[in-house]
Amino acid sequence: MEYRKLGRTNLEISVIGFGAWAIGGDLWGYQDDKESLKALKKAYELGCNFIDTAAVYGMGHSEEIVSQFLKKETKGDVFIATKVPPKNFRWPAKKGTNIKDAFPEEWVISETEKSLKRLKRDYVDLQQIHVWTEEWIECDEWLSALTKLKEQGKIRFFGVSINAFDPNSGVELCKRELVDSIQVVYNIFEQAPEDSLFPEAIKHNIGIIARVPLDESSLTGKLTKETKFDSNDFRSRYFKGERLFETVDRVEKVKEVAKKYNIPFIELALRFSFSHKAVSTSIPGIRNEKQAEMNISIGSKGKLPEEILNELKKHRWNRDWRI
């Protein structure tokens, strides 16, 4: 496993982390807790030392499962990141939203304390604001709360998870060096963070957490135009209408690149997600032992060669999908 420092923090984290949304068992359909614990254990055994969860994943259930795993299987050598949900529970954050409707100071503090109880920890390594609009950069509420929590020893570092398909909203955060990390959608299709966000993150030493590296499962290569999702699976909305058909067509073209260079398709997708030097870790969603073994093992494969990266640039897909 390769390890990288998370920006200006002292956290040396695995280049492939554990995305813990699905183990919350809500918008991804039914999830067996026993399978979740097996997945976490396998990831840990393969060198994964970074878990990204959130208070809203399963309304706290993901954090509770992570807590069970930490108590049983680890030696205190795993870094935990979680997130504060917006008080109005609206994703994505819309421009014009008053900070007091989303992240008033008392809300950020109380939600962090609730997460600590579910995780059964005195502190969390990284606390994140779960949605973002750049209008809030002038607001003190969220920043004051996180600063207080850090001073109290309840969080070690803090960051922001920015809206999907809106990487530029994190640029000013980097320039002002207000946060330790930024979480952003980044994958073979969604390459826009490379334009402005990544250069500023490198310049100011802000850690980048790449989320959705497999494009909500399309870059596993397993979807077909006949794929049907359960109504409670959020992908039924993400890939609604013609979106699924176009996605499958584009995936087939990326498969040709994988075949040309004799690289397994998922390996190609995950290695792309951490090949940029701005990225500290990539966090694919993992929900069972098989996925853990497949995804985490790729963290030892290294960056893709420039030749392949240049070819994958042709598959950039500028889109703005709302669900």
C-alpha atoms as a PDB file:
ATOM      1  CA  MET A   1       0.000   0.000   0.000  1.00  0.00           C
ATOM      2  CA  GLU A   2       1.192   3.496  -0.842  1.00  0.00           C
ATOM      3  CA  TYR A   3       0.750   6.192   1.806  1.00  0.00           C
ATOM      4  CA  ARG A   4       0.601   9.942   1.305  1.00  0.00           C
ATOM      5  CA  LYS A   5       0.404  12.895   3.640  1.00  0.00           C
ATOM      6  CA  LEU A   6      -2.993  14.584   3.742  1.00  0.00           C
ATOM      7  CA  GLY A   7      -1.972  18.091   2.747  1.00  0.00           C
ATOM      8  CA  ARG A   8      -0.395  20.080   5.589  1.00  0.00           C
ATOM      9  CA  THR A   9      -1.571  17.641   8.268  1.00  0.00           C
ATOM     10  CA  ASN A  10       0.650  14.976   9.807  1.00  0.00           C
ATOM     11  CA  LEU A  11      -1.697  12.187   8.717  1.00  0.00           C
ATOM     12  CA  GLU A  12      -0.015   9.583   6.508  1.00  0.00           C
ATOM     13  CA  ILE A  13      -2.996   7.920   4.877  1.00  0.00           C
ATOM     14  CA  SER A  14      -3.442   5.051   2.446  1.00  0.00           C
ATOM     15  CA  VAL A  15      -3.830   6.105  -1.168  1.00  0.00           C
ATOM     16  CA  ILE A  16      -6.996   4.014  -1.289  1.00  0.00           C
ATOM     17  CA  GLY A  17      -9.357   4.703   1.581  1.00  0.00           C
ATOM     18  CA  PHE A  18     -12.624   3.097   2.626  1.00  0.00           C
ATOM     19  CA  GLY A  19     -15.728   4.947   1.452  1.00  0.00           C
ATOM     20  CA  ALA A  20     -18.328   4.055   4.105  1.00  0.00           C
ATOM     21  CA  TRP A  21     -21.541   5.446   2.616  1.00  0.00           C
ATOM     22  CA  ALA A  22     -22.959   2.108   1.461  1.00  0.00           C
ATOM     23  CA  ILE A  23     -22.423   0.355   4.789  1.00  0.00           C
ATOM     24  CA  GLY A  24     -24.901   2.802   6.291  1.00  0.00           C
ATOM     25  CA  GLY A  25     -27.534   0.753   4.489  1.00  0.00           C
ATOM     26  CA  ASP A  26     -29.814   3.526   3.267  1.00  0.00           C
ATOM     27  CA  LEU A  27     -29.676   4.897  -0.283  1.00  0.00           C
ATOM     28  CA  TRP A  28     -27.721   1.923  -1.623  1.00  0.00           C
ATOM     29  CA  GLY A  29     -30.322  -0.626  -0.555  1.00  0.00           C
ATOM     30  CA  TYR A  30     -30.111  -3.367   2.061  1.00  0.00           C
ATOM     31  CA  GLN A  31     -26.720  -3.907   3.663  1.00  0.00           C
ATOM     32  CA  ASP A  32     -25.720  -6.786   5.956  1.00  0.00           C
ATOM     33  CA  ASP A  33     -23.759  -5.429   8.932  1.00  0.00           C
ATOM     34  CA  LYS A  34     -21.745  -8.648   9.138  1.00  0.00           C
ATOM     35  CA  GLU A  35     -20.613  -8.126   5.541  1.00  0.00           C
ATOM     36  CA  SER A  36     -19.714  -4.531   6.351  1.00  0.00           C
ATOM     37  CA  LEU A  37     -17.500  -5.605   9.247  1.00  0.00           C
ATOM     38  CA  LYS A  38     -15.809  -8.231   7.076  1.00  0.00           C
ATOM     39  CA  ALA A  39     -15.167  -5.606   4.431  1.00  0.00           C
ATOM     40  CA  LEU A  40     -13.624  -3.209   6.944  1.00  0.00           C
ATOM     41  CA  LYS A  41     -11.437  -5.957   8.366  1.00  0.00           C
ATOM     42  CA  LYS A  42     -10.196  -7.043   4.932  1.00  0.00           C
ATOM     43  CA  ALA A  43      -9.426  -3.455   3.943  1.00  0.00           C
ATOM     44  CA  TYR A  44      -7.460  -2.975   7.160  1.00  0.00           C
ATOM     45  CA  GLU A  45      -5.510  -6.190   6.618  1.00  0.00           C
ATOM     46  CA  LEU A  46      -4.535  -4.942   3.151  1.00  0.00           C
ATOM     47  CA  GLY A  47      -3.147  -1.689   4.532  1.00  0.00           C
ATOM     48  CA  CYS A  48      -6.088   0.707   4.404  1.00  0.00           C
ATOM     49  CA  ASN A  49      -5.830   3.145   7.312  1.00  0.00           C
ATOM     50  CA  PHE A  50      -8.336   5.817   6.271  1.00  0.00           C
ATOM     51  CA  ILE A  51     -12.128   5.538   6.587  1.00  0.00           C
ATOM     52  CA  ASP A  52     -14.467   8.246   5.336  1.00  0.00           C
ATOM     53  CA  THR A  53     -17.959   8.201   6.814  1.00  0.00           C
ATOM     54  CA  ALA A  54     -20.642  10.782   7.660  1.00  0.00           C
ATOM     55  CA  ALA A  55     -23.349  11.410  10.204  1.00  0.00           C
ATOM     56  CA  VAL A  56     -26.021  11.133   7.529  1.00  0.00           C
ATOM     57  CA  TYR A  57     -24.931   7.733   6.161  1.00  0.00           C
ATOM     58  CA  GLY A  58     -27.725   5.514   7.415  1.00  0.00           C
ATOM     59  CA  MET A  59     -28.551   8.320   9.861  1.00  0.00           C
ATOM     60  CA  GLY A  60     -25.525   7.439  11.954  1.00  0.00           C
ATOM     61  CA  HIS A  61     -25.456   3.691  11.283  1.00  0.00           C
ATOM     62  CA  SER A  62     -22.284   3.846   9.198  1.00  0.00           C
ATOM     63  CA  GLU A  63     -20.464   5.549  12.075  1.00  0.00           C
ATOM     64  CA  GLU A  64     -21.773   2.884  14.474  1.00  0.00           C
ATOM     65  CA  ILE A  65     -20.480   0.064  12.260  1.00  0.00           C
ATOM     66  CA  VAL A  66     -17.111   1.794  11.959  1.00  0.00           C
ATOM     67  CA  SER A  67     -17.034   2.030  15.754  1.00  0.00           C
ATOM     68  CA  GLN A  68     -17.662  -1.696  16.113  1.00  0.00           C
ATOM     69  CA  PHE A  69     -14.832  -2.419  13.695  1.00  0.00           C
ATOM     70  CA  LEU A  70     -12.394  -0.078  15.437  1.00  0.00           C
ATOM     71  CA  LYS A  71     -13.071  -1.702  18.804  1.00  0.00           C
ATOM     72  CA  LYS A  72     -12.621  -5.275  17.562  1.00  0.00           C
ATOM     73  CA  GLU A  73      -9.975  -5.215  14.864  1.00  0.00           C
ATOM     74  CA  THR A  74      -7.574  -2.269  15.068  1.00  0.00           C
ATOM     75  CA  LYS A  75      -4.729  -1.042  17.217  1.00  0.00           C
ATOM     76  CA  GLY A  76      -5.615   2.624  17.071  1.00  0.00           C
ATOM     77  CA  ASP A  77      -3.788   3.029  13.773  1.00  0.00           C
ATOM     78  CA  VAL A  78      -6.769   3.988  11.581  1.00  0.00           C
ATOM     79  CA  PHE A  79      -7.690   7.580  10.748  1.00  0.00           C
ATOM     80  CA  ILE A  80     -11.383   8.461  10.746  1.00  0.00           C
ATOM     81  CA  ALA A  81     -13.017  11.223   8.727  1.00  0.00           C
ATOM     82  CA  THR A  82     -16.685  12.080   9.116  1.00  0.00           C
ATOM     83  CA  LYS A  83     -19.000  14.921   8.077  1.00  0.00           C
ATOM     84  CA  VAL A  84     -21.513  17.341   9.540  1.00  0.00           C
ATOM     85  CA  PRO A  85     -24.814  17.305   7.611  1.00  0.00           C
ATOM     86  CA  PRO A  86     -26.465  20.629   6.757  1.00  0.00           C
ATOM     87  CA  LYS A  87     -29.186  21.539   9.233  1.00  0.00           C
ATOM     88  CA  ASN A  88     -31.700  21.916   6.387  1.00  0.00           C
ATOM     89  CA  PHE A  89     -30.662  18.491   4.995  1.00  0.00           C
ATOM     90  CA  ARG A  90     -30.447  19.785   1.434  1.00  0.00           C
ATOM     91  CA  TRP A  91     -27.990  18.337  -1.047  1.00  0.00           C
ATOM     92  CA  PRO A  92     -26.402  19.999  -2.929  1.00  0.00           C
ATOM     93  CA  ALA A  93     -26.100  23.346  -1.198  1.00  0.00           C
ATOM     94  CA  LYS A  94     -27.863  26.023  -3.210  1.00  0.00           C
ATOM     95  CA  LYS A  95     -26.546  29.521  -3.684  1.00  0.00           C
ATOM     96  CA  GLY A  96     -28.390  32.001  -1.540  1.00  0.00           C
ATOM     97  CA  THR A  97     -28.748  29.580   1.368  1.00  0.00           C
ATOM     98  CA  ASN A  98     -28.231  31.354   4.677  1.00  0.00           C
ATOM     99  CA  ILE A  99     -25.411  29.828   6.682  1.00  0.00           C
ATOM    100  CA  LYS A 100     -27.694  29.682   9.732  1.00  0.00           C
ATOM    101  CA  ASP A 101     -30.035  27.398   7.796  1.00  0.00           C
ATOM    102  CA  ALA A 102     -27.202  25.005   6.993  1.00  0.00           C
ATOM    103  CA  PHE A 103     -24.238  25.239   9.366  1.00  0.00           C
ATOM    104  CA  PRO A 104     -24.900  27.501  12.368  1.00  0.00           C
ATOM    105  CA  GLU A 105     -22.151  27.260  14.952  1.00  0.00           C
ATOM    106  CA  GLU A 106     -24.160  25.374  17.576  1.00  0.00           C
ATOM    107  CA  TRP A 107     -25.299  22.812  14.965  1.00  0.00           C
ATOM    108  CA  VAL A 108     -21.760  22.015  13.805  1.00  0.00           C
ATOM    109  CA  ILE A 109     -20.658  21.525  17.400  1.00  0.00           C
ATOM    110  CA  SER A 110     -23.628  19.406  18.498  1.00  0.00           C
ATOM    111  CA  GLU A 111     -23.513  17.199  15.388  1.00  0.00           C
ATOM    112  CA  THR A 112     -19.806  16.593  15.889  1.00  0.00           C
ATOM    113  CA  GLU A 113     -20.450  15.569  19.488  1.00  0.00           C
ATOM    114  CA  LYS A 114     -23.170  13.156  18.320  1.00  0.00           C
ATOM    115  CA  SER A 115     -20.740  11.623  15.814  1.00  0.00           C
ATOM    116  CA  LEU A 116     -18.150  11.168  18.548  1.00  0.00           C
ATOM    117  CA  LYS A 117     -20.710   9.298  20.649  1.00  0.00           C
ATOM    118  CA  ARG A 118     -21.595   6.978  17.774  1.00  0.00           C
ATOM    119  CA  LEU A 119     -17.936   6.419  16.975  1.00  0.00           C
ATOM    120  CA  LYS A 120     -17.141   6.014  20.688  1.00  0.00           C
ATOM    121  CA  ARG A 121     -14.105   8.244  20.324  1.00  0.00           C
ATOM    122  CA  ASP A 122     -12.801  11.300  22.134  1.00  0.00           C
ATOM    123  CA  TYR A 123     -11.862  12.937  18.846  1.00  0.00           C
ATOM    124  CA  VAL A 124     -12.177  12.488  15.104  1.00  0.00           C
ATOM    125  CA  ASP A 125      -9.125  12.878  12.868  1.00  0.00           C
ATOM    126  CA  LEU A 126     -10.920  14.881  10.196  1.00  0.00           C
ATOM    127  CA  GLN A 127     -14.272  16.624  10.438  1.00  0.00           C
ATOM    128  CA  GLN A 128     -15.825  17.932   7.233  1.00  0.00           C
ATOM    129  CA  ILE A 129     -18.673  20.223   6.216  1.00  0.00           C
ATOM    130  CA  HIS A 130     -20.807  17.921   4.052  1.00  0.00           C
ATOM    131  CA  VAL A 131     -21.991  20.450   1.433  1.00  0.00           C
ATOM    132  CA  TRP A 132     -20.665  23.786   0.303  1.00  0.00           C
ATOM    133  CA  THR A 133     -21.393  26.996  -1.539  1.00  0.00           C
ATOM    134  CA  GLU A 134     -18.611  29.517  -1.946  1.00  0.00           C
ATOM    135  CA  GLU A 135     -20.890  32.262  -0.587  1.00  0.00           C
ATOM    136  CA  TRP A 136     -20.222  30.834   2.874  1.00  0.00           C
ATOM    137  CA  ILE A 137     -16.536  31.634   2.691  1.00  0.00           C
ATOM    138  CA  GLU A 138     -17.274  35.062   4.187  1.00  0.00           C
ATOM    139  CA  CYS A 139     -19.357  33.536   6.996  1.00  0.00           C
ATOM    140  CA  ASP A 140     -17.772  32.845  10.355  1.00  0.00           C
ATOM    141  CA  GLU A 141     -20.312  30.328  11.702  1.00  0.00           C
ATOM    142  CA  TRP A 142     -18.866  27.103  10.269  1.00  0.00           C
ATOM    143  CA  LEU A 143     -15.237  28.118  10.618  1.00  0.00           C
ATOM    144  CA  SER A 144     -15.644  29.359  14.177  1.00  0.00           C
ATOM    145  CA  ALA A 145     -17.323  26.093  15.192  1.00  0.00           C
ATOM    146  CA  LEU A 146     -14.643  23.902  13.652  1.00  0.00           C
ATOM    147  CA  THR A 147     -11.873  26.036  15.140  1.00  0.00           C
ATOM    148  CA  LYS A 148     -13.416  25.705  18.605  1.00  0.00           C
ATOM    149  CA  LEU A 149     -13.767  21.942  18.209  1.00  0.00           C
ATOM    150  CA  LYS A 150     -10.114  21.723  17.230  1.00  0.00           C
ATOM    151  CA  GLU A 151      -9.055  23.830  20.223  1.00  0.00           C
ATOM    152  CA  GLN A 152     -11.101  21.522  22.469  1.00  0.00           C
ATOM    153  CA  GLY A 153      -9.340  18.467  21.055  1.00  0.00           C
ATOM    154  CA  LYS A 154     -12.546  16.996  19.614  1.00  0.00           C
ATOM    155  CA  ILE A 155     -11.240  17.140  16.048  1.00  0.00           C
ATOM    156  CA  ARG A 156      -7.661  17.129  14.833  1.00  0.00           C
ATOM    157  CA  PHE A 157      -8.198  18.684  11.403  1.00  0.00           C
ATOM    158  CA  PHE A 158     -11.106  19.918   9.300  1.00  0.00           C
ATOM    159  CA  GLY A 159     -12.170  20.245   5.703  1.00  0.00           C
ATOM    160  CA  VAL A 160     -15.030  20.699   3.265  1.00  0.00           C
ATOM    161  CA  SER A 161     -16.774  18.282   0.930  1.00  0.00           C
ATOM    162  CA  ILE A 162     -17.791  20.342  -2.090  1.00  0.00           C
ATOM    163  CA  ASN A 163     -20.790  19.812  -4.353  1.00  0.00           C
ATOM    164  CA  ALA A 164     -20.550  17.355  -7.218  1.00  0.00           C
ATOM    165  CA  PHE A 165     -19.609  18.954 -10.546  1.00  0.00           C
ATOM    166  CA  ASP A 166     -18.615  22.210  -8.839  1.00  0.00           C
ATOM    167  CA  PRO A 167     -14.871  21.913  -8.146  1.00  0.00           C
ATOM    168  CA  ASN A 168     -14.196  25.611  -8.601  1.00  0.00           C
ATOM    169  CA  SER A 169     -16.167  26.361  -5.437  1.00  0.00           C
ATOM    170  CA  GLY A 170     -13.162  25.039  -3.514  1.00  0.00           C
ATOM    171  CA  VAL A 171     -10.552  27.254  -5.149  1.00  0.00           C
ATOM    172  CA  GLU A 172     -10.927  30.204  -2.762  1.00  0.00           C
ATOM    173  CA  LEU A 173     -10.831  27.845   0.233  1.00  0.00           C
ATOM    174  CA  CYS A 174      -7.392  26.804  -0.957  1.00  0.00           C
ATOM    175  CA  LYS A 175      -6.198  30.310  -1.656  1.00  0.00           C
ATOM    176  CA  ARG A 176      -7.152  31.494   1.820  1.00  0.00           C
ATOM    177  CA  GLU A 177      -5.862  28.270   3.396  1.00  0.00           C
ATOM    178  CA  LEU A 178      -8.989  28.018   5.532  1.00  0.00           C
ATOM    179  CA  VAL A 179      -9.190  24.223   5.565  1.00  0.00           C
ATOM    180  CA  ASP A 180      -6.855  21.241   5.770  1.00  0.00           C
ATOM    181  CA  SER A 181      -8.617  19.207   3.086  1.00  0.00           C
ATOM    182  CA  ILE A 182     -11.176  19.318   0.303  1.00  0.00           C
ATOM    183  CA  GLN A 183     -13.226  16.344  -0.809  1.00  0.00           C
ATOM    184  CA  VAL A 184     -14.242  16.435  -4.474  1.00  0.00           C
ATOM    185  CA  VAL A 185     -15.682  14.164  -7.178  1.00  0.00           C
ATOM    186  CA  TYR A 186     -12.796  13.075  -9.397  1.00  0.00           C
ATOM    187  CA  ASN A 187     -12.672  10.203 -11.870  1.00  0.00           C
ATOM    188  CA  ILE A 188     -11.986   9.383 -15.526  1.00  0.00           C
ATOM    189  CA  PHE A 189     -15.167  11.153 -16.594  1.00  0.00           C
ATOM    190  CA  GLU A 190     -15.062  14.026 -14.073  1.00  0.00           C
ATOM    191  CA  GLN A 191     -11.628  15.599 -14.652  1.00  0.00           C
ATOM    192  CA  ALA A 192     -12.615  19.238 -14.095  1.00  0.00           C
ATOM    193  CA  PRO A 193     -10.844  19.477 -10.687  1.00  0.00           C
ATOM    194  CA  GLU A 194      -7.549  19.405 -12.590  1.00  0.00           C
ATOM    195  CA  ASP A 195      -8.267  22.807 -14.159  1.00  0.00           C
ATOM    196  CA  SER A 196      -8.180  25.163 -11.170  1.00  0.00           C
ATOM    197  CA  LEU A 197      -8.739  23.322  -7.892  1.00  0.00           C
ATOM    198  CA  PHE A 198      -5.790  20.932  -7.975  1.00  0.00           C
ATOM    199  CA  PRO A 199      -3.170  23.579  -8.876  1.00  0.00           C
ATOM    200  CA  GLU A 200      -4.302  25.747  -5.951  1.00  0.00           C
ATOM    201  CA  ALA A 201      -4.415  22.748  -3.596  1.00  0.00           C
ATOM    202  CA  ILE A 202      -0.812  21.919  -4.486  1.00  0.00           C
ATOM    203  CA  LYS A 203       0.295  25.540  -4.153  1.00  0.00           C
ATOM    204  CA  HIS A 204      -1.244  25.900  -0.685  1.00  0.00           C
ATOM    205  CA  ASN A 205      -0.700  22.316   0.500  1.00  0.00           C
ATOM    206  CA  ILE A 206      -4.384  21.467   0.933  1.00  0.00           C
ATOM    207  CA  GLY A 207      -5.151  17.744   0.997  1.00  0.00           C
ATOM    208  CA  ILE A 208      -7.438  16.377  -1.716  1.00  0.00           C
ATOM    209  CA  ILE A 209      -9.776  13.442  -1.068  1.00  0.00           C
ATOM    210  CA  ALA A 210     -11.066  12.062  -4.368  1.00  0.00           C
ATOM    211  CA  ARG A 211     -14.574  10.707  -4.017  1.00  0.00           C
ATOM    212  CA  VAL A 212     -16.747   8.770  -6.487  1.00  0.00           C
ATOM    213  CA  PRO A 213     -13.673   7.374  -8.306  1.00  0.00           C
ATOM    214  CA  LEU A 214     -15.883   4.720  -9.921  1.00  0.00           C
ATOM    215  CA  ASP A 215     -18.628   7.176 -10.951  1.00  0.00           C
ATOM    216  CA  GLU A 216     -21.336   5.669  -8.723  1.00  0.00           C
ATOM    217  CA  SER A 217     -20.430   2.194 -10.097  1.00  0.00           C
ATOM    218  CA  SER A 218     -20.381   2.934 -13.856  1.00  0.00           C
ATOM    219  CA  LEU A 219     -16.574   2.663 -13.900  1.00  0.00           C
ATOM    220  CA  THR A 220     -16.737  -0.864 -12.526  1.00  0.00           C
ATOM    221  CA  GLY A 221     -17.745  -1.743 -16.093  1.00  0.00           C
ATOM    222  CA  LYS A 222     -20.641  -3.877 -14.859  1.00  0.00           C
ATOM    223  CA  LEU A 223     -23.593  -1.695 -15.864  1.00  0.00           C
ATOM    224  CA  THR A 224     -25.514  -2.409 -19.056  1.00  0.00           C
ATOM    225  CA  LYS A 225     -28.308  -0.570 -20.817  1.00  0.00           C
ATOM    226  CA  GLU A 226     -30.675  -3.101 -19.263  1.00  0.00           C
ATOM    227  CA  THR A 227     -29.515  -2.506 -15.678  1.00  0.00           C
ATOM    228  CA  LYS A 228     -32.380  -1.835 -13.279  1.00  0.00           C
ATOM    229  CA  PHE A 229     -31.908  -0.287  -9.848  1.00  0.00           C
ATOM    230  CA  ASP A 230     -34.171  -0.697  -6.834  1.00  0.00           C
ATOM    231  CA  SER A 231     -36.389   2.326  -6.284  1.00  0.00           C
ATOM    232  CA  ASN A 232     -34.633   3.041  -2.961  1.00  0.00           C
ATOM    233  CA  ASP A 233     -31.211   2.975  -4.647  1.00  0.00           C
ATOM    234  CA  PHE A 234     -30.212   6.567  -5.404  1.00  0.00           C
ATOM    235  CA  ARG A 235     -28.626   5.381  -8.676  1.00  0.00           C
ATOM    236  CA  SER A 236     -32.140   4.955 -10.062  1.00  0.00           C
ATOM    237  CA  ARG A 237     -32.167   8.762 -10.113  1.00  0.00           C
ATOM    238  CA  TYR A 238     -28.495   9.336 -10.887  1.00  0.00           C
ATOM    239  CA  PHE A 239     -28.707   7.198 -14.042  1.00  0.00           C
ATOM    240  CA  LYS A 240     -32.271   8.146 -14.926  1.00  0.00           C
ATOM    241  CA  GLY A 241     -33.521   8.284 -18.504  1.00  0.00           C
ATOM    242  CA  GLU A 242     -30.905   8.508 -21.227  1.00  0.00           C
ATOM    243  CA  ARG A 243     -28.094   8.983 -18.712  1.00  0.00           C
ATOM    244  CA  LEU A 244     -27.583   5.236 -18.312  1.00  0.00           C
ATOM    245  CA  PHE A 245     -27.412   4.638 -22.069  1.00  0.00           C
ATOM    246  CA  GLU A 246     -24.849   7.380 -22.669  1.00  0.00           C
ATOM    247  CA  THR A 247     -22.829   6.265 -19.664  1.00  0.00           C
ATOM    248  CA  VAL A 248     -22.622   2.667 -20.861  1.00  0.00           C
ATOM    249  CA  ASP A 249     -21.529   3.819 -24.334  1.00  0.00           C
ATOM    250  CA  ARG A 250     -18.773   5.954 -22.848  1.00  0.00           C
ATOM    251  CA  VAL A 251     -17.649   3.168 -20.506  1.00  0.00           C
ATOM    252  CA  GLU A 252     -17.245   0.846 -23.471  1.00  0.00           C
ATOM    253  CA  LYS A 253     -14.810   3.309 -25.042  1.00  0.00           C
ATOM    254  CA  VAL A 254     -12.779   3.495 -21.826  1.00  0.00           C
ATOM    255  CA  LYS A 255     -12.690  -0.312 -21.756  1.00  0.00           C
ATOM    256  CA  GLU A 256     -10.810  -0.156 -25.045  1.00  0.00           C
ATOM    257  CA  VAL A 257      -8.033   1.785 -23.288  1.00  0.00           C
ATOM    258  CA  ALA A 258      -7.856  -0.816 -20.522  1.00  0.00           C
ATOM    259  CA  LYS A 259      -7.680  -3.589 -23.103  1.00  0.00           C
ATOM    260  CA  LYS A 260      -5.007  -1.778 -25.117  1.00  0.00           C
ATOM    261  CA  TYR A 261      -2.713  -1.553 -22.096  1.00  0.00           C
ATOM    262  CA  ASN A 262      -3.758  -4.905 -20.621  1.00  0.00           C
ATOM    263  CA  ILE A 263      -4.970  -3.362 -17.339  1.00  0.00           C
ATOM    264  CA  PRO A 264      -8.072  -4.610 -15.521  1.00  0.00           C
ATOM    265  CA  PHE A 265     -10.828  -2.046 -15.969  1.00  0.00           C
ATOM    266  CA  ILE A 266     -11.440  -1.233 -12.301  1.00  0.00           C
ATOM    267  CA  GLU A 267      -7.713  -0.982 -11.730  1.00  0.00           C
ATOM    268  CA  LEU A 268      -7.471   1.557 -14.538  1.00  0.00           C
ATOM    269  CA  ALA A 269     -10.253   3.648 -12.995  1.00  0.00           C
ATOM    270  CA  LEU A 270      -8.906   3.587  -9.452  1.00  0.00           C
ATOM    271  CA  ARG A 271      -5.282   4.199 -10.415  1.00  0.00           C
ATOM    272  CA  PHE A 272      -6.423   7.199 -12.455  1.00  0.00           C
ATOM    273  CA  SER A 273      -8.132   8.640  -9.371  1.00  0.00           C
ATOM    274  CA  PHE A 274      -4.885   8.838  -7.387  1.00  0.00           C
ATOM    275  CA  SER A 275      -2.399   9.442 -10.202  1.00  0.00           C
ATOM    276  CA  HIS A 276      -2.589  13.229  -9.928  1.00  0.00           C
ATOM    277  CA  LYS A 277      -0.060  14.533  -7.402  1.00  0.00           C
ATOM    278  CA  ALA A 278      -2.694  16.712  -5.735  1.00  0.00           C
ATOM    279  CA  VAL A 279      -4.660  13.671  -4.546  1.00  0.00           C
ATOM    280  CA  SER A 280      -3.881  12.306  -1.096  1.00  0.00           C
ATOM    281  CA  THR A 281      -6.389   9.457  -1.162  1.00  0.00           C
ATOM    282  CA  SER A 282      -9.212   8.036  -3.256  1.00  0.00           C
ATOM    283  CA  ILE A 283     -12.246   6.626  -1.452  1.00  0.00           C
ATOM    284  CA  PRO A 284     -14.248   4.079  -3.463  1.00  0.00           C
ATOM    285  CA  GLY A 285     -17.419   2.852  -1.821  1.00  0.00           C
ATOM    286  CA  ILE A 286     -16.944  -0.624  -0.359  1.00  0.00           C
ATOM    287  CA  ARG A 287     -19.658  -2.868   1.020  1.00  0.00           C
ATOM    288  CA  ASN A 288     -18.291  -6.436   1.109  1.00  0.00           C
ATOM    289  CA  GLU A 289     -15.086  -8.411   1.517  1.00  0.00           C
ATOM    290  CA  LYS A 290     -14.671  -9.062  -2.215  1.00  0.00           C
ATOM    291  CA  GLN A 291     -14.882  -5.370  -3.059  1.00  0.00           C
ATOM    292  CA  ALA A 292     -12.444  -4.547  -0.272  1.00  0.00           C
ATOM    293  CA  GLU A 293      -9.893  -7.031  -1.561  1.00  0.00           C
ATOM    294  CA  MET A 294     -10.294  -5.863  -5.156  1.00  0.00           C
ATOM    295  CA  ASN A 295     -10.227  -2.116  -4.488  1.00  0.00           C
ATOM    296  CA  ILE A 296      -7.725  -1.804  -1.654  1.00  0.00           C
ATOM    297  CA  SER A 297      -5.119  -4.015  -3.330  1.00  0.00           C
ATOM    298  CA  ILE A 298      -4.924  -1.484  -6.172  1.00  0.00           C
ATOM    299  CA  GLY A 299      -3.332   0.956  -3.741  1.00  0.00           C
ATOM    300  CA  SER A 300      -0.026  -0.835  -4.245  1.00  0.00           C
ATOM    301  CA  LYS A 301      -0.078  -0.567  -8.055  1.00  0.00           C
ATOM    302  CA  GLY A 302       1.205   2.997  -8.305  1.00  0.00           C
ATOM    303  CA  LYS A 303       0.297   5.862 -10.608  1.00  0.00           C
ATOM    304  CA  LEU A 304      -0.637   5.285 -14.225  1.00  0.00           C
ATOM    305  CA  PRO A 305       2.064   6.104 -16.807  1.00  0.00           C
ATOM    306  CA  GLU A 306       1.769   9.492 -18.518  1.00  0.00           C
ATOM    307  CA  GLU A 307       1.001   7.813 -21.833  1.00  0.00           C
ATOM    308  CA  ILE A 308      -2.148   6.234 -20.423  1.00  0.00           C
ATOM    309  CA  LEU A 309      -3.159   9.361 -18.502  1.00  0.00           C
ATOM    310  CA  ASN A 310      -2.913  11.406 -21.692  1.00  0.00           C
ATOM    311  CA  GLU A 311      -5.124   8.927 -23.485  1.00  0.00           C
ATOM    312  CA  LEU A 312      -7.691   9.013 -20.697  1.00  0.00           C
ATOM    313  CA  LYS A 313      -7.912  12.801 -20.960  1.00  0.00           C
ATOM    314  CA  LYS A 314      -9.898  12.219 -24.154  1.00  0.00           C
ATOM    315  CA  HIS A 315     -12.660  10.649 -22.062  1.00  0.00           C
ATOM    316  CA  ARG A 316     -13.311  13.711 -19.934  1.00  0.00           C
ATOM    317  CA  TRP A 317     -17.062  14.282 -19.779  1.00  0.00           C
ATOM    318  CA  ASN A 318     -18.265  17.719 -18.746  1.00  0.00           C
ATOM    319  CA  ARG A 319     -21.716  17.241 -17.227  1.00  0.00           C
ATOM    320  CA  ASP A 320     -23.832  18.557 -14.381  1.00  0.00           C
ATOM    321  CA  TRP A 321     -26.168  15.847 -13.191  1.00  0.00           C
ATOM    322  CA  ARG A 322     -28.654  16.742 -10.511  1.00  0.00           C
ATOM    323  CA  ILE A 323     -30.474  14.015  -8.628  1.00  0.00           C
END
